[in-house]
Amino acid sequence: YITIERPVTDRRRRVRVRLTTTGRKAFHGHVAALRE
C-alpha cells in the first residue's frame, strides 16, 4: 500500500512515504464503503 524512502539530506536521514497505486485504490475503496 505504501512505498518508503530513506534519503539522506544535509547529513540527516529522512523517512518519507507515499501511497502506491494499490494503496490509493484501497483507500478510495474504504472511503466508498464508509460513505455507503
ModelCIF file with pLDDT and N, C-alpha, C, O atoms, coordinates in Angstrom:
data_MODEL
#
_entry.id   MODEL 
#
_entity.id                         1 
_entity.type                       polymer 
_entity.pdbx_number_of_molecules   1 
#
_entity_poly.entity_id                      1 
_entity_poly.type                           'polypeptide(L)' 
_entity_poly.nstd_linkage                   no 
_entity_poly.nstd_monomer                   no 
_entity_poly.pdbx_seq_one_letter_code       YITIERPVTDRRRRVRVRLTTTGRKAFHGHVAALRE 
_entity_poly.pdbx_seq_one_letter_code_can   YITIERPVTDRRRRVRVRLTTTGRKAFHGHVAALRE 
_entity_poly.pdbx_strand_id                 A 
#
loop_
_entity_poly_seq.entity_id 
_entity_poly_seq.num 
_entity_poly_seq.mon_id 
_entity_poly_seq.hetero 
1 1  TYR n 
1 2  ILE n 
1 3  THR n 
1 4  ILE n 
1 5  GLU n 
1 6  ARG n 
1 7  PRO n 
1 8  VAL n 
1 9  THR n 
1 10 ASP n 
1 11 ARG n 
1 12 ARG n 
1 13 ARG n 
1 14 ARG n 
1 15 VAL n 
1 16 ARG n 
1 17 VAL n 
1 18 ARG n 
1 19 LEU n 
1 20 THR n 
1 21 THR n 
1 22 THR n 
1 23 GLY n 
1 24 ARG n 
1 25 LYS n 
1 26 ALA n 
1 27 PHE n 
1 28 HIS n 
1 29 GLY n 
1 30 HIS n 
1 31 VAL n 
1 32 ALA n 
1 33 ALA n 
1 34 LEU n 
1 35 ARG n 
1 36 GLU n 
#
_struct_asym.id          A 
_struct_asym.entity_id   1 
#
loop_
_ma_qa_metric.id 
_ma_qa_metric.mode 
_ma_qa_metric.name 
_ma_qa_metric.software_group_id 
_ma_qa_metric.type 
1 global pLDDT . pLDDT 
2 local  pLDDT . pLDDT 
#
_ma_qa_metric_global.metric_id      1 
_ma_qa_metric_global.metric_value   93.08 
_ma_qa_metric_global.model_id       1 
_ma_qa_metric_global.ordinal_id     1 
#
loop_
_ma_qa_metric_local.label_asym_id 
_ma_qa_metric_local.label_comp_id 
_ma_qa_metric_local.label_seq_id 
_ma_qa_metric_local.metric_id 
_ma_qa_metric_local.metric_value 
_ma_qa_metric_local.model_id 
_ma_qa_metric_local.ordinal_id 
A TYR 1  2 97.00 1 1  
A ILE 2  2 96.00 1 2  
A THR 3  2 97.00 1 3  
A ILE 4  2 96.00 1 4  
A GLU 5  2 94.00 1 5  
A ARG 6  2 92.00 1 6  
A PRO 7  2 87.00 1 7  
A VAL 8  2 87.00 1 8  
A THR 9  2 81.00 1 9  
A ASP 10 2 81.00 1 10 
A ARG 11 2 84.00 1 11 
A ARG 12 2 85.00 1 12 
A ARG 13 2 86.00 1 13 
A ARG 14 2 89.00 1 14 
A VAL 15 2 93.00 1 15 
A ARG 16 2 94.00 1 16 
A VAL 17 2 96.00 1 17 
A ARG 18 2 96.00 1 18 
A LEU 19 2 95.00 1 19 
A THR 20 2 96.00 1 20 
A THR 21 2 95.00 1 21 
A THR 22 2 96.00 1 22 
A GLY 23 2 96.00 1 23 
A ARG 24 2 94.00 1 24 
A LYS 25 2 96.00 1 25 
A ALA 26 2 96.00 1 26 
A PHE 27 2 94.00 1 27 
A HIS 28 2 96.00 1 28 
A GLY 29 2 97.00 1 29 
A HIS 30 2 96.00 1 30 
A VAL 31 2 96.00 1 31 
A ALA 32 2 97.00 1 32 
A ALA 33 2 96.00 1 33 
A LEU 34 2 96.00 1 34 
A ARG 35 2 95.00 1 35 
A GLU 36 2 93.00 1 36 
#
loop_
_atom_site.group_PDB 
_atom_site.id 
_atom_site.type_symbol 
_atom_site.label_atom_id 
_atom_site.label_alt_id 
_atom_site.label_comp_id 
_atom_site.label_asym_id 
_atom_site.label_entity_id 
_atom_site.label_seq_id 
_atom_site.pdbx_PDB_ins_code 
_atom_site.Cartn_x 
_atom_site.Cartn_y 
_atom_site.Cartn_z 
_atom_site.occupancy 
_atom_site.B_iso_or_equiv 
_atom_site.pdbx_formal_charge 
_atom_site.auth_seq_id 
_atom_site.auth_comp_id 
_atom_site.auth_asym_id 
_atom_site.auth_atom_id 
_atom_site.pdbx_PDB_model_num 
ATOM 1   N N  . TYR A 1 1  ? 0.802   -1.224 0.000  1.00 97.00 ? 1  TYR A N  1 
ATOM 2   C CA . TYR A 1 1  ? 0.000   0.000  0.000  1.00 97.00 ? 1  TYR A CA 1 
ATOM 3   C C  . TYR A 1 1  ? 0.836   1.275  0.000  1.00 97.00 ? 1  TYR A C  1 
ATOM 4   O O  . TYR A 1 1  ? 0.376   2.312  -0.478 1.00 97.00 ? 1  TYR A O  1 
ATOM 5   N N  . ILE A 1 2  ? 2.053   1.212  0.527  1.00 96.00 ? 2  ILE A N  1 
ATOM 6   C CA . ILE A 1 2  ? 2.920   2.387  0.550  1.00 96.00 ? 2  ILE A CA 1 
ATOM 7   C C  . ILE A 1 2  ? 4.331   2.006  0.119  1.00 96.00 ? 2  ILE A C  1 
ATOM 8   O O  . ILE A 1 2  ? 4.727   0.841  0.159  1.00 96.00 ? 2  ILE A O  1 
ATOM 9   N N  . THR A 1 3  ? 5.068   3.020  -0.289 1.00 97.00 ? 3  THR A N  1 
ATOM 10  C CA . THR A 1 3  ? 6.498   2.901  -0.568 1.00 97.00 ? 3  THR A CA 1 
ATOM 11  C C  . THR A 1 3  ? 7.211   3.793  0.436  1.00 97.00 ? 3  THR A C  1 
ATOM 12  O O  . THR A 1 3  ? 6.789   4.925  0.673  1.00 97.00 ? 3  THR A O  1 
ATOM 13  N N  . ILE A 1 4  ? 8.274   3.296  1.016  1.00 96.00 ? 4  ILE A N  1 
ATOM 14  C CA . ILE A 1 4  ? 9.053   4.063  1.987  1.00 96.00 ? 4  ILE A CA 1 
ATOM 15  C C  . ILE A 1 4  ? 10.411  4.375  1.378  1.00 96.00 ? 4  ILE A C  1 
ATOM 16  O O  . ILE A 1 4  ? 11.063  3.505  0.800  1.00 96.00 ? 4  ILE A O  1 
ATOM 17  N N  . GLU A 1 5  ? 10.825  5.624  1.515  1.00 94.00 ? 5  GLU A N  1 
ATOM 18  C CA . GLU A 1 5  ? 12.126  6.065  1.012  1.00 94.00 ? 5  GLU A CA 1 
ATOM 19  C C  . GLU A 1 5  ? 12.897  6.672  2.181  1.00 94.00 ? 5  GLU A C  1 
ATOM 20  O O  . GLU A 1 5  ? 12.319  7.361  3.022  1.00 94.00 ? 5  GLU A O  1 
ATOM 21  N N  . ARG A 1 6  ? 14.184  6.416  2.230  1.00 92.00 ? 6  ARG A N  1 
ATOM 22  C CA . ARG A 1 6  ? 15.031  6.923  3.317  1.00 92.00 ? 6  ARG A CA 1 
ATOM 23  C C  . ARG A 1 6  ? 16.213  7.710  2.756  1.00 92.00 ? 6  ARG A C  1 
ATOM 24  O O  . ARG A 1 6  ? 17.354  7.260  2.858  1.00 92.00 ? 6  ARG A O  1 
ATOM 25  N N  . PRO A 1 7  ? 15.959  8.874  2.169  1.00 87.00 ? 7  PRO A N  1 
ATOM 26  C CA . PRO A 1 7  ? 17.067  9.659  1.607  1.00 87.00 ? 7  PRO A CA 1 
ATOM 27  C C  . PRO A 1 7  ? 17.889  10.334 2.709  1.00 87.00 ? 7  PRO A C  1 
ATOM 28  O O  . PRO A 1 7  ? 17.394  10.579 3.809  1.00 87.00 ? 7  PRO A O  1 
ATOM 29  N N  . VAL A 1 8  ? 19.129  10.622 2.397  1.00 87.00 ? 8  VAL A N  1 
ATOM 30  C CA . VAL A 1 8  ? 19.985  11.371 3.320  1.00 87.00 ? 8  VAL A CA 1 
ATOM 31  C C  . VAL A 1 8  ? 20.122  12.779 2.752  1.00 87.00 ? 8  VAL A C  1 
ATOM 32  O O  . VAL A 1 8  ? 20.598  12.965 1.632  1.00 87.00 ? 8  VAL A O  1 
ATOM 33  N N  . THR A 1 9  ? 19.699  13.772 3.540  1.00 81.00 ? 9  THR A N  1 
ATOM 34  C CA . THR A 1 9  ? 19.825  15.163 3.129  1.00 81.00 ? 9  THR A CA 1 
ATOM 35  C C  . THR A 1 9  ? 20.486  15.939 4.261  1.00 81.00 ? 9  THR A C  1 
ATOM 36  O O  . THR A 1 9  ? 20.135  15.768 5.428  1.00 81.00 ? 9  THR A O  1 
ATOM 37  N N  . ASP A 1 10 ? 21.424  16.776 3.916  1.00 81.00 ? 10 ASP A N  1 
ATOM 38  C CA . ASP A 1 10 ? 22.158  17.547 4.919  1.00 81.00 ? 10 ASP A CA 1 
ATOM 39  C C  . ASP A 1 10 ? 22.683  16.654 6.045  1.00 81.00 ? 10 ASP A C  1 
ATOM 40  O O  . ASP A 1 10 ? 22.622  17.003 7.224  1.00 81.00 ? 10 ASP A O  1 
ATOM 41  N N  . ARG A 1 11 ? 23.198  15.501 5.645  1.00 84.00 ? 11 ARG A N  1 
ATOM 42  C CA . ARG A 1 11 ? 23.779  14.519 6.581  1.00 84.00 ? 11 ARG A CA 1 
ATOM 43  C C  . ARG A 1 11 ? 22.771  13.949 7.567  1.00 84.00 ? 11 ARG A C  1 
ATOM 44  O O  . ARG A 1 11 ? 23.152  13.373 8.586  1.00 84.00 ? 11 ARG A O  1 
ATOM 45  N N  . ARG A 1 12 ? 21.494  14.108 7.270  1.00 85.00 ? 12 ARG A N  1 
ATOM 46  C CA . ARG A 1 12 ? 20.430  13.563 8.116  1.00 85.00 ? 12 ARG A CA 1 
ATOM 47  C C  . ARG A 1 12 ? 19.592  12.598 7.317  1.00 85.00 ? 12 ARG A C  1 
ATOM 48  O O  . ARG A 1 12 ? 19.212  12.888 6.182  1.00 85.00 ? 12 ARG A O  1 
ATOM 49  N N  . ARG A 1 13 ? 19.306  11.473 7.890  1.00 86.00 ? 13 ARG A N  1 
ATOM 50  C CA . ARG A 1 13 ? 18.430  10.510 7.225  1.00 86.00 ? 13 ARG A CA 1 
ATOM 51  C C  . ARG A 1 13 ? 16.985  10.924 7.487  1.00 86.00 ? 13 ARG A C  1 
ATOM 52  O O  . ARG A 1 13 ? 16.570  11.152 8.624  1.00 86.00 ? 13 ARG A O  1 
ATOM 53  N N  . ARG A 1 14 ? 16.249  11.012 6.402  1.00 89.00 ? 14 ARG A N  1 
ATOM 54  C CA . ARG A 1 14 ? 14.826  11.322 6.489  1.00 89.00 ? 14 ARG A CA 1 
ATOM 55  C C  . ARG A 1 14 ? 14.049  10.085 6.075  1.00 89.00 ? 14 ARG A C  1 
ATOM 56  O O  . ARG A 1 14 ? 14.557  9.228  5.353  1.00 89.00 ? 14 ARG A O  1 
ATOM 57  N N  . VAL A 1 15 ? 12.839  10.007 6.531  1.00 93.00 ? 15 VAL A N  1 
ATOM 58  C CA . VAL A 1 15 ? 11.950  8.928  6.103  1.00 93.00 ? 15 VAL A CA 1 
ATOM 59  C C  . VAL A 1 15 ? 10.726  9.601  5.512  1.00 93.00 ? 15 VAL A C  1 
ATOM 60  O O  . VAL A 1 15 ? 10.119  10.480 6.124  1.00 93.00 ? 15 VAL A O  1 
ATOM 61  N N  . ARG A 1 16 ? 10.379  9.166  4.306  1.00 94.00 ? 16 ARG A N  1 
ATOM 62  C CA . ARG A 1 16 ? 9.177   9.696  3.695  1.00 94.00 ? 16 ARG A CA 1 
ATOM 63  C C  . ARG A 1 16 ? 8.440   8.564  3.008  1.00 94.00 ? 16 ARG A C  1 
ATOM 64  O O  . ARG A 1 16 ? 9.037   7.560  2.619  1.00 94.00 ? 16 ARG A O  1 
ATOM 65  N N  . VAL A 1 17 ? 7.142   8.738  2.866  1.00 96.00 ? 17 VAL A N  1 
ATOM 66  C CA . VAL A 1 17 ? 6.300   7.673  2.325  1.00 96.00 ? 17 VAL A CA 1 
ATOM 67  C C  . VAL A 1 17 ? 5.355   8.232  1.266  1.00 96.00 ? 17 VAL A C  1 
ATOM 68  O O  . VAL A 1 17 ? 5.104   9.435  1.190  1.00 96.00 ? 17 VAL A O  1 
ATOM 69  N N  . ARG A 1 18 ? 4.847   7.318  0.459  1.00 96.00 ? 18 ARG A N  1 
ATOM 70  C CA . ARG A 1 18 ? 3.794   7.678  -0.485 1.00 96.00 ? 18 ARG A CA 1 
ATOM 71  C C  . ARG A 1 18 ? 2.932   6.457  -0.745 1.00 96.00 ? 18 ARG A C  1 
ATOM 72  O O  . ARG A 1 18 ? 3.371   5.316  -0.597 1.00 96.00 ? 18 ARG A O  1 
ATOM 73  N N  . LEU A 1 19 ? 1.697   6.725  -1.136 1.00 95.00 ? 19 LEU A N  1 
ATOM 74  C CA . LEU A 1 19 ? 0.795   5.640  -1.493 1.00 95.00 ? 19 LEU A CA 1 
ATOM 75  C C  . LEU A 1 19 ? 1.206   5.050  -2.837 1.00 95.00 ? 19 LEU A C  1 
ATOM 76  O O  . LEU A 1 19 ? 1.629   5.772  -3.740 1.00 95.00 ? 19 LEU A O  1 
ATOM 77  N N  . THR A 1 20 ? 1.080   3.745  -2.957 1.00 96.00 ? 20 THR A N  1 
ATOM 78  C CA . THR A 1 20 ? 1.258   3.092  -4.244 1.00 96.00 ? 20 THR A CA 1 
ATOM 79  C C  . THR A 1 20 ? -0.092  3.139  -4.964 1.00 96.00 ? 20 THR A C  1 
ATOM 80  O O  . THR A 1 20 ? -1.095  3.552  -4.382 1.00 96.00 ? 20 THR A O  1 
ATOM 81  N N  . THR A 1 21 ? -0.112  2.727  -6.197 1.00 95.00 ? 21 THR A N  1 
ATOM 82  C CA . THR A 1 21 ? -1.374  2.654  -6.929 1.00 95.00 ? 21 THR A CA 1 
ATOM 83  C C  . THR A 1 21 ? -2.343  1.715  -6.212 1.00 95.00 ? 21 THR A C  1 
ATOM 84  O O  . THR A 1 21 ? -3.533  2.010  -6.102 1.00 95.00 ? 21 THR A O  1 
ATOM 85  N N  . THR A 1 22 ? -1.838  0.601  -5.731 1.00 96.00 ? 22 THR A N  1 
ATOM 86  C CA . THR A 1 22 ? -2.657  -0.346 -4.972 1.00 96.00 ? 22 THR A CA 1 
ATOM 87  C C  . THR A 1 22 ? -3.186  0.296  -3.698 1.00 96.00 ? 22 THR A C  1 
ATOM 88  O O  . THR A 1 22 ? -4.355  0.123  -3.351 1.00 96.00 ? 22 THR A O  1 
ATOM 89  N N  . GLY A 1 23 ? -2.337  1.031  -3.004 1.00 96.00 ? 23 GLY A N  1 
ATOM 90  C CA . GLY A 1 23 ? -2.744  1.707  -1.775 1.00 96.00 ? 23 GLY A CA 1 
ATOM 91  C C  . GLY A 1 23 ? -3.790  2.769  -2.019 1.00 96.00 ? 23 GLY A C  1 
ATOM 92  O O  . GLY A 1 23 ? -4.731  2.911  -1.237 1.00 96.00 ? 23 GLY A O  1 
ATOM 93  N N  . ARG A 1 24 ? -3.635  3.515  -3.096 1.00 94.00 ? 24 ARG A N  1 
ATOM 94  C CA . ARG A 1 24 ? -4.607  4.561  -3.430 1.00 94.00 ? 24 ARG A CA 1 
ATOM 95  C C  . ARG A 1 24 ? -5.966  3.937  -3.753 1.00 94.00 ? 24 ARG A C  1 
ATOM 96  O O  . ARG A 1 24 ? -7.001  4.446  -3.323 1.00 94.00 ? 24 ARG A O  1 
ATOM 97  N N  . LYS A 1 25 ? -5.966  2.831  -4.513 1.00 96.00 ? 25 LYS A N  1 
ATOM 98  C CA . LYS A 1 25 ? -7.221  2.142  -4.833 1.00 96.00 ? 25 LYS A CA 1 
ATOM 99  C C  . LYS A 1 25 ? -7.884  1.604  -3.564 1.00 96.00 ? 25 LYS A C  1 
ATOM 100 O O  . LYS A 1 25 ? -9.099  1.712  -3.402 1.00 96.00 ? 25 LYS A O  1 
ATOM 101 N N  . ALA A 1 26 ? -7.096  1.031  -2.677 1.00 96.00 ? 26 ALA A N  1 
ATOM 102 C CA . ALA A 1 26 ? -7.634  0.508  -1.420 1.00 96.00 ? 26 ALA A CA 1 
ATOM 103 C C  . ALA A 1 26 ? -8.223  1.632  -0.579 1.00 96.00 ? 26 ALA A C  1 
ATOM 104 O O  . ALA A 1 26 ? -9.299  1.481  -0.002 1.00 96.00 ? 26 ALA A O  1 
ATOM 105 N N  . PHE A 1 27 ? -7.525  2.751  -0.509 1.00 94.00 ? 27 PHE A N  1 
ATOM 106 C CA . PHE A 1 27 ? -8.014  3.904  0.257  1.00 94.00 ? 27 PHE A CA 1 
ATOM 107 C C  . PHE A 1 27 ? -9.357  4.374  -0.292 1.00 94.00 ? 27 PHE A C  1 
ATOM 108 O O  . PHE A 1 27 ? -10.305 4.574  0.467  1.00 94.00 ? 27 PHE A O  1 
ATOM 109 N N  . HIS A 1 28 ? -9.437  4.548  -1.605 1.00 96.00 ? 28 HIS A N  1 
ATOM 110 C CA . HIS A 1 28 ? -10.690 5.003  -2.211 1.00 96.00 ? 28 HIS A CA 1 
ATOM 111 C C  . HIS A 1 28 ? -11.811 3.982  -1.993 1.00 96.00 ? 28 HIS A C  1 
ATOM 112 O O  . HIS A 1 28 ? -12.969 4.359  -1.814 1.00 96.00 ? 28 HIS A O  1 
ATOM 113 N N  . GLY A 1 29 ? -11.472 2.711  -2.008 1.00 97.00 ? 29 GLY A N  1 
ATOM 114 C CA . GLY A 1 29 ? -12.462 1.665  -1.723 1.00 97.00 ? 29 GLY A CA 1 
ATOM 115 C C  . GLY A 1 29 ? -12.990 1.748  -0.304 1.00 97.00 ? 29 GLY A C  1 
ATOM 116 O O  . GLY A 1 29 ? -14.189 1.594  -0.074 1.00 97.00 ? 29 GLY A O  1 
ATOM 117 N N  . HIS A 1 30 ? -12.105 1.990  0.644  1.00 96.00 ? 30 HIS A N  1 
ATOM 118 C CA . HIS A 1 30 ? -12.516 2.119  2.051  1.00 96.00 ? 30 HIS A CA 1 
ATOM 119 C C  . HIS A 1 30 ? -13.402 3.347  2.243  1.00 96.00 ? 30 HIS A C  1 
ATOM 120 O O  . HIS A 1 30 ? -14.410 3.285  2.947  1.00 96.00 ? 30 HIS A O  1 
ATOM 121 N N  . VAL A 1 31 ? -13.029 4.456  1.620  1.00 96.00 ? 31 VAL A N  1 
ATOM 122 C CA . VAL A 1 31 ? -13.831 5.680  1.720  1.00 96.00 ? 31 VAL A CA 1 
ATOM 123 C C  . VAL A 1 31 ? -15.221 5.446  1.133  1.00 96.00 ? 31 VAL A C  1 
ATOM 124 O O  . VAL A 1 31 ? -16.220 5.862  1.719  1.00 96.00 ? 31 VAL A O  1 
ATOM 125 N N  . ALA A 1 32 ? -15.290 4.788  -0.010 1.00 97.00 ? 32 ALA A N  1 
ATOM 126 C CA . ALA A 1 32 ? -16.587 4.499  -0.636 1.00 97.00 ? 32 ALA A CA 1 
ATOM 127 C C  . ALA A 1 32 ? -17.447 3.618  0.268  1.00 97.00 ? 32 ALA A C  1 
ATOM 128 O O  . ALA A 1 32 ? -18.647 3.850  0.407  1.00 97.00 ? 32 ALA A O  1 
ATOM 129 N N  . ALA A 1 33 ? -16.837 2.620  0.874  1.00 96.00 ? 33 ALA A N  1 
ATOM 130 C CA . ALA A 1 33 ? -17.583 1.738  1.780  1.00 96.00 ? 33 ALA A CA 1 
ATOM 131 C C  . ALA A 1 33 ? -18.100 2.507  2.988  1.00 96.00 ? 33 ALA A C  1 
ATOM 132 O O  . ALA A 1 33 ? -19.237 2.299  3.413  1.00 96.00 ? 33 ALA A O  1 
ATOM 133 N N  . LEU A 1 34 ? -17.285 3.387  3.543  1.00 96.00 ? 34 LEU A N  1 
ATOM 134 C CA . LEU A 1 34 ? -17.732 4.194  4.676  1.00 96.00 ? 34 LEU A CA 1 
ATOM 135 C C  . LEU A 1 34 ? -18.868 5.130  4.279  1.00 96.00 ? 34 LEU A C  1 
ATOM 136 O O  . LEU A 1 34 ? -19.798 5.338  5.059  1.00 96.00 ? 34 LEU A O  1 
ATOM 137 N N  . ARG A 1 35 ? -18.804 5.691  3.088  1.00 95.00 ? 35 ARG A N  1 
ATOM 138 C CA . ARG A 1 35 ? -19.896 6.562  2.611  1.00 95.00 ? 35 ARG A CA 1 
ATOM 139 C C  . ARG A 1 35 ? -21.196 5.781  2.474  1.00 95.00 ? 35 ARG A C  1 
ATOM 140 O O  . ARG A 1 35 ? -22.267 6.300  2.790  1.00 95.00 ? 35 ARG A O  1 
ATOM 141 N N  . GLU A 1 36 ? -21.114 4.552  2.011  1.00 93.00 ? 36 GLU A N  1 
ATOM 142 C CA . GLU A 1 36 ? -22.310 3.718  1.903  1.00 93.00 ? 36 GLU A CA 1 
ATOM 143 C C  . GLU A 1 36 ? -22.901 3.427  3.276  1.00 93.00 ? 36 GLU A C  1 
ATOM 144 O O  . GLU A 1 36 ? -23.915 2.737  3.378  1.00 93.00 ? 36 GLU A O  1 
#
